[in-house]
Amino acid sequence: MPNITYIETDGTTHNIELPLGATIMEGAIQNDVKGIVAECGGSCMCATCHVYVDESFLDKLPAMEEEEEEMLEGATAEVKANSRLGCQVRITNELDGITVTVPEEQ
């Protein structure tokens, strides 16, 4: 199973193995990563699973859909070039070793 590292706002890290097809958001919720709220449960309706993706993995992610872009526009935290919604990124073998950082606010 691919490994993902979550970095919380206080610097706490979680190294978690996730099954293929799970989302970054699901891994965070199932493993009590602080700062990932996921109010809408993963339906791309709230932007409370906003994360910053390690830039070395950006080219391995699927293209962002218009719906995700629109949700990020309303995100509370600063939107950066490496911003993604965790509910929209499914884990693949290519993402083994990815690191995501939780923004200070959701």
Protein backbone atom coordinates (compact mmCIF):
# COMPACT_ATOMS: atom_id res chain seq x y z
CA MET A 1 0.00 0.00 0.00
CA PRO A 2 1.23 3.51 -0.78
CA ASN A 3 2.47 5.64 2.10
CA ILE A 4 1.35 9.23 2.64
CA THR A 5 2.72 11.75 5.12
CA TYR A 6 0.39 14.34 6.59
CA ILE A 7 1.86 17.39 8.32
CA GLU A 8 -0.47 19.16 10.74
CA THR A 9 -0.23 22.88 11.42
CA ASP A 10 1.71 22.30 14.66
CA GLY A 11 4.28 20.16 12.83
CA THR A 12 2.90 16.81 13.97
CA THR A 13 3.39 14.22 11.23
CA HIS A 14 1.42 11.10 10.44
CA ASN A 15 2.91 8.45 8.14
CA ILE A 16 0.01 6.34 6.96
CA GLU A 17 -0.38 3.51 4.50
CA LEU A 18 -3.50 3.90 2.41
CA PRO A 19 -5.15 1.41 0.10
CA LEU A 20 -5.22 2.17 -3.59
CA GLY A 21 -8.25 4.25 -4.47
CA ALA A 22 -8.65 5.85 -1.04
CA THR A 23 -8.59 9.65 -1.02
CA ILE A 24 -6.23 11.90 0.88
CA MET A 25 -9.26 13.14 2.81
CA GLU A 26 -10.39 9.62 3.78
CA GLY A 27 -6.92 8.78 5.06
CA ALA A 28 -6.89 11.92 7.18
CA ILE A 29 -10.34 11.35 8.69
CA GLN A 30 -9.74 7.64 9.38
CA ASN A 31 -6.44 8.42 11.11
CA ASP A 32 -7.42 11.51 13.10
CA VAL A 33 -5.26 14.03 11.24
CA LYS A 34 -6.07 17.39 12.84
CA GLY A 35 -7.20 20.17 10.52
CA ILE A 36 -8.93 18.06 7.89
CA VAL A 37 -12.60 18.67 8.65
CA ALA A 38 -14.35 17.17 5.61
CA GLU A 39 -17.72 18.71 6.42
CA CYS A 40 -19.33 17.47 3.20
CA GLY A 41 -17.97 13.94 3.54
CA GLY A 42 -15.98 14.05 0.32
CA SER A 43 -18.50 15.35 -2.19
CA CYS A 44 -16.44 18.41 -3.25
CA MET A 45 -18.88 20.85 -1.69
CA CYS A 46 -17.02 22.59 1.13
CA ALA A 47 -13.21 22.91 0.73
CA THR A 48 -12.61 21.78 4.34
CA CYS A 49 -10.18 19.09 3.20
CA HIS A 50 -7.85 21.63 1.54
CA VAL A 51 -4.20 20.52 1.59
CA TYR A 52 -0.90 21.70 0.16
CA VAL A 53 0.72 18.93 -1.88
CA ASP A 54 4.48 18.44 -1.97
CA GLU A 55 5.42 20.12 -5.25
CA SER A 56 7.48 17.14 -6.42
CA PHE A 57 4.22 15.19 -6.74
CA LEU A 58 2.11 17.78 -8.57
CA ASP A 59 2.80 16.30 -11.99
CA LYS A 60 1.63 12.88 -10.74
CA LEU A 61 -1.81 14.13 -9.71
CA PRO A 62 -4.85 14.01 -11.97
CA ALA A 63 -5.81 17.33 -13.52
CA MET A 64 -8.01 19.49 -11.34
CA GLU A 65 -11.65 19.52 -12.41
CA GLU A 66 -13.60 22.77 -12.64
CA GLU A 67 -15.70 21.84 -9.59
CA GLU A 68 -12.57 21.53 -7.43
CA GLU A 69 -11.20 24.84 -8.70
CA GLU A 70 -14.47 26.57 -7.81
CA MET A 71 -14.47 25.11 -4.29
CA LEU A 72 -10.87 26.20 -3.73
CA GLU A 73 -11.81 29.76 -4.70
CA GLY A 74 -13.95 29.85 -1.57
CA ALA A 75 -11.38 28.21 0.72
CA THR A 76 -10.62 29.99 3.97
CA ALA A 77 -6.86 29.35 3.81
CA GLU A 78 -4.61 30.87 1.19
CA VAL A 79 -4.88 29.03 -2.12
CA LYS A 80 -1.47 28.25 -3.58
CA ALA A 81 -0.25 26.61 -6.78
CA ASN A 82 -0.01 23.29 -4.89
CA SER A 83 -3.47 23.50 -3.29
CA ARG A 84 -5.82 20.55 -3.76
CA LEU A 85 -8.93 19.22 -2.11
CA GLY A 86 -8.06 15.97 -0.38
CA CYS A 87 -11.40 14.44 -1.38
CA GLN A 88 -10.49 14.78 -5.05
CA VAL A 89 -7.10 13.04 -4.96
CA ARG A 90 -7.22 9.24 -5.00
CA ILE A 91 -4.14 7.32 -3.97
CA THR A 92 -2.27 5.48 -6.71
CA ASN A 93 1.08 3.69 -6.71
CA GLU A 94 2.60 6.82 -8.29
CA LEU A 95 1.68 8.79 -5.16
CA ASP A 96 3.61 6.50 -2.80
CA GLY A 97 5.65 8.79 -0.54
CA ILE A 98 3.55 11.91 -1.10
CA THR A 99 3.51 14.55 1.62
CA VAL A 100 0.61 16.91 2.22
CA THR A 101 0.49 19.83 4.62
CA VAL A 102 -2.70 20.95 6.32
CA PRO A 103 -3.39 24.71 6.08
CA GLU A 104 -3.66 26.76 9.27
CA GLU A 105 -7.41 27.13 8.81
CA GLN A 106 -10.15 25.44 6.83
